[in-house]
PDB file of N, CA and C in Angstrom:
ATOM      1  N   MET A   1       0.851  -1.185   0.000  1.00  0.00           N
ATOM      2  CA  MET A   1       0.000   0.000   0.000  1.00  0.00           C
ATOM      3  C   MET A   1       0.897   1.250   0.000  1.00  0.00           C
ATOM      4  N   ALA A   2       0.615   2.169  -0.854  1.00  0.00           N
ATOM      5  CA  ALA A   2       1.417   3.386  -0.987  1.00  0.00           C
ATOM      6  C   ALA A   2       1.102   4.347   0.162  1.00  0.00           C
ATOM      7  N   ASP A   3       2.098   5.141   0.557  1.00  0.00           N
ATOM      8  CA  ASP A   3       1.874   6.156   1.588  1.00  0.00           C
ATOM      9  C   ASP A   3       1.007   7.272   0.997  1.00  0.00           C
ATOM     10  N   LEU A   4       0.032   7.712   1.768  1.00  0.00           N
ATOM     11  CA  LEU A   4      -0.842   8.794   1.329  1.00  0.00           C
ATOM     12  C   LEU A   4      -0.408  10.094   1.994  1.00  0.00           C
ATOM     13  N   GLU A   5      -0.521  11.179   1.241  1.00  0.00           N
ATOM     14  CA  GLU A   5      -0.161  12.491   1.768  1.00  0.00           C
ATOM     15  C   GLU A   5      -1.366  13.399   1.603  1.00  0.00           C
ATOM     16  N   HIS A   6      -1.639  14.202   2.608  1.00  0.00           N
ATOM     17  CA  HIS A   6      -2.763  15.133   2.543  1.00  0.00           C
ATOM     18  C   HIS A   6      -2.543  16.096   1.374  1.00  0.00           C
ATOM     19  N   PRO A   7      -3.610  16.435   0.626  1.00  0.00           N
ATOM     20  CA  PRO A   7      -3.456  17.329  -0.533  1.00  0.00           C
ATOM     21  C   PRO A   7      -2.854  18.689  -0.194  1.00  0.00           C
ATOM     22  N   ILE A   8      -3.134  19.211   0.983  1.00  0.00           N
ATOM     23  CA  ILE A   8      -2.561  20.513   1.369  1.00  0.00           C
ATOM     24  C   ILE A   8      -1.057  20.384   1.555  1.00  0.00           C
ATOM     25  N   VAL A   9      -0.616  19.279   2.138  1.00  0.00           N
ATOM     26  CA  VAL A   9       0.825  19.057   2.311  1.00  0.00           C
ATOM     27  C   VAL A   9       1.505  18.960   0.946  1.00  0.00           C
ATOM     28  N   THR A  10       0.872  18.274   0.024  1.00  0.00           N
ATOM     29  CA  THR A  10       1.421  18.154  -1.331  1.00  0.00           C
ATOM     30  C   THR A  10       1.546  19.527  -1.977  1.00  0.00           C
ATOM     31  N   GLU A  11       0.518  20.355  -1.837  1.00  0.00           N
ATOM     32  CA  GLU A  11       0.541  21.708  -2.423  1.00  0.00           C
ATOM     33  C   GLU A  11       1.635  22.563  -1.798  1.00  0.00           C
ATOM     34  N   VAL A  12       1.780  22.526  -0.476  1.00  0.00           N
ATOM     35  CA  VAL A  12       2.810  23.302   0.217  1.00  0.00           C
ATOM     36  C   VAL A  12       4.196  22.847  -0.233  1.00  0.00           C
ATOM     37  N   ASN A  13       4.377  21.553  -0.406  1.00  0.00           N
ATOM     38  CA  ASN A  13       5.668  21.046  -0.864  1.00  0.00           C
ATOM     39  C   ASN A  13       5.992  21.526  -2.270  1.00  0.00           C
ATOM     40  N   LYS A  14       4.958  21.719  -3.106  1.00  0.00           N
ATOM     41  CA  LYS A  14       5.183  22.181  -4.480  1.00  0.00           C
ATOM     42  C   LYS A  14       5.399  23.681  -4.562  1.00  0.00           C
ATOM     43  N   THR A  15       4.584  24.463  -3.838  1.00  0.00           N
ATOM     44  CA  THR A  15       4.565  25.914  -4.036  1.00  0.00           C
ATOM     45  C   THR A  15       5.064  26.723  -2.842  1.00  0.00           C
ATOM     46  N   GLY A  16       5.227  26.118  -1.678  1.00  0.00           N
ATOM     47  CA  GLY A  16       5.617  26.862  -0.480  1.00  0.00           C
ATOM     48  C   GLY A  16       4.393  27.416   0.224  1.00  0.00           C
ATOM     49  N   TYR A  17       4.637  28.112   1.317  1.00  0.00           N
ATOM     50  CA  TYR A  17       3.545  28.685   2.111  1.00  0.00           C
ATOM     51  C   TYR A  17       3.078  29.984   1.482  1.00  0.00           C
ATOM     52  N   ALA A  18       1.826  30.037   1.113  1.00  0.00           N
ATOM     53  CA  ALA A  18       1.277  31.192   0.398  1.00  0.00           C
ATOM     54  C   ALA A  18       1.151  32.425   1.284  1.00  0.00           C
ATOM     55  N   ASN A  19       0.878  32.290   2.559  1.00  0.00           N
ATOM     56  CA  ASN A  19       0.614  33.439   3.426  1.00  0.00           C
ATOM     57  C   ASN A  19       1.848  34.277   3.727  1.00  0.00           C
ATOM     58  N   LEU A  20       3.039  33.755   3.548  1.00  0.00           N
ATOM     59  CA  LEU A  20       4.234  34.513   3.896  1.00  0.00           C
ATOM     60  C   LEU A  20       4.385  35.763   3.045  1.00  0.00           C
ATOM     61  N   VAL A  21       3.947  35.744   1.820  1.00  0.00           N
ATOM     62  CA  VAL A  21       4.068  36.889   0.935  1.00  0.00           C
ATOM     63  C   VAL A  21       3.010  37.935   1.246  1.00  0.00           C
ATOM     64  N   ALA A  22       1.851  37.530   1.722  1.00  0.00           N
ATOM     65  CA  ALA A  22       0.724  38.428   1.911  1.00  0.00           C
ATOM     66  C   ALA A  22       0.798  39.248   3.198  1.00  0.00           C
ATOM     67  N   GLN A  23       1.781  39.022   4.050  1.00  0.00           N
ATOM     68  CA  GLN A  23       1.846  39.753   5.312  1.00  0.00           C
ATOM     69  C   GLN A  23       2.308  41.190   5.081  1.00  0.00           C
ATOM     70  N   PRO A  24       1.680  42.155   5.783  1.00  0.00           N
ATOM     71  CA  PRO A  24       2.079  43.555   5.616  1.00  0.00           C
ATOM     72  C   PRO A  24       3.478  43.802   6.175  1.00  0.00           C
ATOM     73  N   GLU A  25       4.148  44.804   5.612  1.00  0.00           N
ATOM     74  CA  GLU A  25       5.514  45.114   6.036  1.00  0.00           C
ATOM     75  C   GLU A  25       5.528  45.886   7.348  1.00  0.00           C
ATOM     76  N   HIS A  26       6.455  45.520   8.190  1.00  0.00           N
ATOM     77  CA  HIS A  26       6.646  46.163   9.485  1.00  0.00           C
ATOM     78  C   HIS A  26       7.359  47.499   9.265  1.00  0.00           C
ATOM     79  N   PHE A  27       6.843  48.576   9.888  1.00  0.00           N
ATOM     80  CA  PHE A  27       7.442  49.902   9.755  1.00  0.00           C
ATOM     81  C   PHE A  27       8.252  50.272  10.993  1.00  0.00           C
ATOM     82  N   GLY A  28       7.831  49.775  12.150  1.00  0.00           N
ATOM     83  CA  GLY A  28       8.511  50.092  13.403  1.00  0.00           C
ATOM     84  C   GLY A  28       7.553  49.928  14.566  1.00  0.00           C
ATOM     85  N   THR A  29       7.881  50.567  15.688  1.00  0.00           N
ATOM     86  CA  THR A  29       7.006  50.551  16.850  1.00  0.00           C
ATOM     87  C   THR A  29       6.755  51.983  17.301  1.00  0.00           C
ATOM     88  N   ASP A  30       5.601  52.195  17.906  1.00  0.00           N
ATOM     89  CA  ASP A  30       5.269  53.540  18.361  1.00  0.00           C
ATOM     90  C   ASP A  30       5.717  53.731  19.808  1.00  0.00           C
ATOM     91  N   TYR A  31       5.359  54.856  20.394  1.00  0.00           N
ATOM     92  CA  TYR A  31       5.759  55.213  21.754  1.00  0.00           C
ATOM     93  C   TYR A  31       5.390  54.136  22.764  1.00  0.00           C
ATOM     94  N   PHE A  32       4.230  53.501  22.578  1.00  0.00           N
ATOM     95  CA  PHE A  32       3.732  52.504  23.518  1.00  0.00           C
ATOM     96  C   PHE A  32       4.229  51.095  23.203  1.00  0.00           C
ATOM     97  N   GLY A  33       5.045  50.949  22.176  1.00  0.00           N
ATOM     98  CA  GLY A  33       5.548  49.636  21.800  1.00  0.00           C
ATOM     99  C   GLY A  33       4.621  48.876  20.872  1.00  0.00           C
ATOM    100  N   ASN A  34       3.596  49.540  20.358  1.00  0.00           N
ATOM    101  CA  ASN A  34       2.676  48.907  19.410  1.00  0.00           C
ATOM    102  C   ASN A  34       3.350  48.771  18.050  1.00  0.00           C
ATOM    103  N   GLU A  35       3.105  47.661  17.379  1.00  0.00           N
ATOM    104  CA  GLU A  35       3.669  47.443  16.052  1.00  0.00           C
ATOM    105  C   GLU A  35       3.000  48.380  15.058  1.00  0.00           C
ATOM    106  N   VAL A  36       3.799  49.053  14.249  1.00  0.00           N
ATOM    107  CA  VAL A  36       3.299  49.935  13.202  1.00  0.00           C
ATOM    108  C   VAL A  36       3.605  49.263  11.870  1.00  0.00           C
ATOM    109  N   LEU A  37       2.571  49.082  11.056  1.00  0.00           N
ATOM    110  CA  LEU A  37       2.716  48.471   9.741  1.00  0.00           C
ATOM    111  C   LEU A  37       2.606  49.547   8.669  1.00  0.00           C
ATOM    112  N   ILE A  38       3.195  49.294   7.522  1.00  0.00           N
ATOM    113  CA  ILE A  38       3.102  50.244   6.418  1.00  0.00           C
ATOM    114  C   ILE A  38       1.628  50.431   6.079  1.00  0.00           C
ATOM    115  N   GLY A  39       1.192  51.677   5.997  1.00  0.00           N
ATOM    116  CA  GLY A  39      -0.207  52.006   5.731  1.00  0.00           C
ATOM    117  C   GLY A  39      -0.984  52.410   6.966  1.00  0.00           C
ATOM    118  N   ASP A  40      -0.437  52.181   8.167  1.00  0.00           N
ATOM    119  CA  ASP A  40      -1.114  52.598   9.395  1.00  0.00           C
ATOM    120  C   ASP A  40      -1.082  54.122   9.526  1.00  0.00           C
ATOM    121  N   SER A  41      -2.110  54.680  10.143  1.00  0.00           N
ATOM    122  CA  SER A  41      -2.152  56.117  10.416  1.00  0.00           C
ATOM    123  C   SER A  41      -1.399  56.398  11.708  1.00  0.00           C
ATOM    124  N   VAL A  42      -0.413  57.289  11.629  1.00  0.00           N
ATOM    125  CA  VAL A  42       0.387  57.640  12.796  1.00  0.00           C
ATOM    126  C   VAL A  42       0.401  59.151  12.974  1.00  0.00           C
ATOM    127  N   VAL A  43       0.735  59.574  14.195  1.00  0.00           N
ATOM    128  CA  VAL A  43       0.882  60.984  14.531  1.00  0.00           C
ATOM    129  C   VAL A  43       2.301  61.169  15.038  1.00  0.00           C
ATOM    130  N   LEU A  44       2.981  62.212  14.563  1.00  0.00           N
ATOM    131  CA  LEU A  44       4.337  62.502  15.005  1.00  0.00           C
ATOM    132  C   LEU A  44       4.321  63.710  15.925  1.00  0.00           C
ATOM    133  N   ASP A  45       4.983  63.591  17.067  1.00  0.00           N
ATOM    134  CA  ASP A  45       5.101  64.693  18.022  1.00  0.00           C
ATOM    135  C   ASP A  45       6.334  65.504  17.629  1.00  0.00           C
ATOM    136  N   PRO A  46       6.142  66.730  17.142  1.00  0.00           N
ATOM    137  CA  PRO A  46       7.289  67.512  16.675  1.00  0.00           C
ATOM    138  C   PRO A  46       8.241  67.939  17.794  1.00  0.00           C
ATOM    139  N   SER A  47       7.773  67.916  19.044  1.00  0.00           N
ATOM    140  CA  SER A  47       8.638  68.361  20.139  1.00  0.00           C
ATOM    141  C   SER A  47       9.705  67.333  20.503  1.00  0.00           C
ATOM    142  N   ASN A  48       9.422  66.043  20.221  1.00  0.00           N
ATOM    143  CA  ASN A  48      10.418  65.029  20.586  1.00  0.00           C
ATOM    144  C   ASN A  48      10.582  63.935  19.537  1.00  0.00           C
ATOM    145  N   GLY A  49       9.838  64.021  18.420  1.00  0.00           N
ATOM    146  CA  GLY A  49       9.968  63.060  17.340  1.00  0.00           C
ATOM    147  C   GLY A  49       9.288  61.723  17.571  1.00  0.00           C
ATOM    148  N   GLU A  50       8.536  61.589  18.660  1.00  0.00           N
ATOM    149  CA  GLU A  50       7.861  60.324  18.949  1.00  0.00           C
ATOM    150  C   GLU A  50       6.764  60.060  17.925  1.00  0.00           C
ATOM    151  N   MET A  51       6.609  58.778  17.575  1.00  0.00           N
ATOM    152  CA  MET A  51       5.552  58.339  16.675  1.00  0.00           C
ATOM    153  C   MET A  51       4.516  57.587  17.502  1.00  0.00           C
ATOM    154  N   VAL A  52       3.232  57.885  17.256  1.00  0.00           N
ATOM    155  CA  VAL A  52       2.133  57.252  17.988  1.00  0.00           C
ATOM    156  C   VAL A  52       1.082  56.835  16.969  1.00  0.00           C
ATOM    157  N   LEU A  53       0.584  55.598  17.108  1.00  0.00           N
ATOM    158  CA  LEU A  53      -0.543  55.193  16.265  1.00  0.00           C
ATOM    159  C   LEU A  53      -1.718  56.117  16.535  1.00  0.00           C
ATOM    160  N   GLU A  54      -2.449  56.472  15.502  1.00  0.00           N
ATOM    161  CA  GLU A  54      -3.579  57.386  15.661  1.00  0.00           C
ATOM    162  C   GLU A  54      -4.582  56.853  16.680  1.00  0.00           C
ATOM    163  N   ASP A  55      -4.754  55.525  16.732  1.00  0.00           N
ATOM    164  CA  ASP A  55      -5.682  54.930  17.697  1.00  0.00           C
ATOM    165  C   ASP A  55      -5.232  55.137  19.140  1.00  0.00           C
ATOM    166  N   SER A  56      -3.953  55.422  19.372  1.00  0.00           N
ATOM    167  CA  SER A  56      -3.415  55.609  20.720  1.00  0.00           C
ATOM    168  C   SER A  56      -3.169  57.076  21.050  1.00  0.00           C
ATOM    169  N   LEU A  57      -3.606  57.963  20.186  1.00  0.00           N
ATOM    170  CA  LEU A  57      -3.317  59.390  20.375  1.00  0.00           C
ATOM    171  C   LEU A  57      -3.896  59.935  21.675  1.00  0.00           C
ATOM    172  N   GLU A  58      -5.126  59.577  22.007  1.00  0.00           N
ATOM    173  CA  GLU A  58      -5.738  60.089  23.232  1.00  0.00           C
ATOM    174  C   GLU A  58      -4.937  59.645  24.454  1.00  0.00           C
ATOM    175  N   ASP A  59      -4.516  58.385  24.489  1.00  0.00           N
ATOM    176  CA  ASP A  59      -3.696  57.890  25.607  1.00  0.00           C
ATOM    177  C   ASP A  59      -2.384  58.665  25.707  1.00  0.00           C
ATOM    178  N   TYR A  60      -1.770  58.950  24.574  1.00  0.00           N
ATOM    179  CA  TYR A  60      -0.501  59.688  24.550  1.00  0.00           C
ATOM    180  C   TYR A  60      -0.697  61.106  25.094  1.00  0.00           C
ATOM    181  N   LEU A  61      -1.765  61.751  24.663  1.00  0.00           N
ATOM    182  CA  LEU A  61      -2.015  63.124  25.124  1.00  0.00           C
ATOM    183  C   LEU A  61      -2.264  63.172  26.626  1.00  0.00           C
ATOM    184  N   ILE A  62      -2.946  62.179  27.168  1.00  0.00           N
ATOM    185  CA  ILE A  62      -3.236  62.144  28.597  1.00  0.00           C
ATOM    186  C   ILE A  62      -1.986  61.772  29.396  1.00  0.00           C
ATOM    187  N   GLU A  63      -1.335  60.658  29.013  1.00  0.00           N
ATOM    188  CA  GLU A  63      -0.239  60.113  29.811  1.00  0.00           C
ATOM    189  C   GLU A  63       1.079  60.871  29.657  1.00  0.00           C
ATOM    190  N   VAL A  64       1.353  61.360  28.466  1.00  0.00           N
ATOM    191  CA  VAL A  64       2.660  61.987  28.219  1.00  0.00           C
ATOM    192  C   VAL A  64       2.580  63.504  28.290  1.00  0.00           C
ATOM    193  N   LYS A  65       1.553  64.066  27.681  1.00  0.00           N
ATOM    194  CA  LYS A  65       1.455  65.519  27.596  1.00  0.00           C
ATOM    195  C   LYS A  65       0.613  66.137  28.704  1.00  0.00           C
ATOM    196  N   GLY A  66      -0.099  65.308  29.479  1.00  0.00           N
ATOM    197  CA  GLY A  66      -0.878  65.824  30.602  1.00  0.00           C
ATOM    198  C   GLY A  66      -2.198  66.470  30.218  1.00  0.00           C
ATOM    199  N   PHE A  67      -2.694  66.203  29.024  1.00  0.00           N
ATOM    200  CA  PHE A  67      -3.970  66.763  28.613  1.00  0.00           C
ATOM    201  C   PHE A  67      -5.088  66.178  29.476  1.00  0.00           C
ATOM    202  N   GLN A  68      -6.151  66.977  29.654  1.00  0.00           N
ATOM    203  CA  GLN A  68      -7.332  66.504  30.373  1.00  0.00           C
ATOM    204  C   GLN A  68      -8.532  66.641  29.430  1.00  0.00           C
ATOM    205  N   PHE A  69      -9.269  65.551  29.277  1.00  0.00           N
ATOM    206  CA  PHE A  69     -10.463  65.565  28.445  1.00  0.00           C
ATOM    207  C   PHE A  69     -11.668  65.674  29.359  1.00  0.00           C
ATOM    208  N   LYS A  70     -12.494  66.698  29.121  1.00  0.00           N
ATOM    209  CA  LYS A  70     -13.671  66.949  29.958  1.00  0.00           C
ATOM    210  C   LYS A  70     -14.843  67.323  29.076  1.00  0.00           C
ATOM    211  N   THR A  71     -16.014  67.253  29.662  1.00  0.00           N
ATOM    212  CA  THR A  71     -17.220  67.705  28.986  1.00  0.00           C
ATOM    213  C   THR A  71     -17.520  69.117  29.459  1.00  0.00           C
ATOM    214  N   ALA A  72     -17.812  70.001  28.521  1.00  0.00           N
ATOM    215  CA  ALA A  72     -18.111  71.406  28.874  1.00  0.00           C
ATOM    216  C   ALA A  72     -19.411  71.460  29.652  1.00  0.00           C
ATOM    217  N   ASP A  73     -19.386  72.214  30.743  1.00  0.00           N
ATOM    218  CA  ASP A  73     -20.589  72.346  31.577  1.00  0.00           C
ATOM    219  C   ASP A  73     -21.432  73.490  31.107  1.00  0.00           C
TER     220      ASP A  73
END
């Protein structure tokens, strides 16, 4: 009886892993250590050159710059 191989294993052996090419390129890390990928929206602090992901901007303004977010009374 011949050894059987799963069709996916056969395909990987012929062509390699397809997902390795599709991964986005790493650009660096932001102030908080978050991975920044090419195409991500970032904010640069001109006073010290720090890069922050746009999604983390509010945290950066509160923790680093001391901003306070309030509702107007």
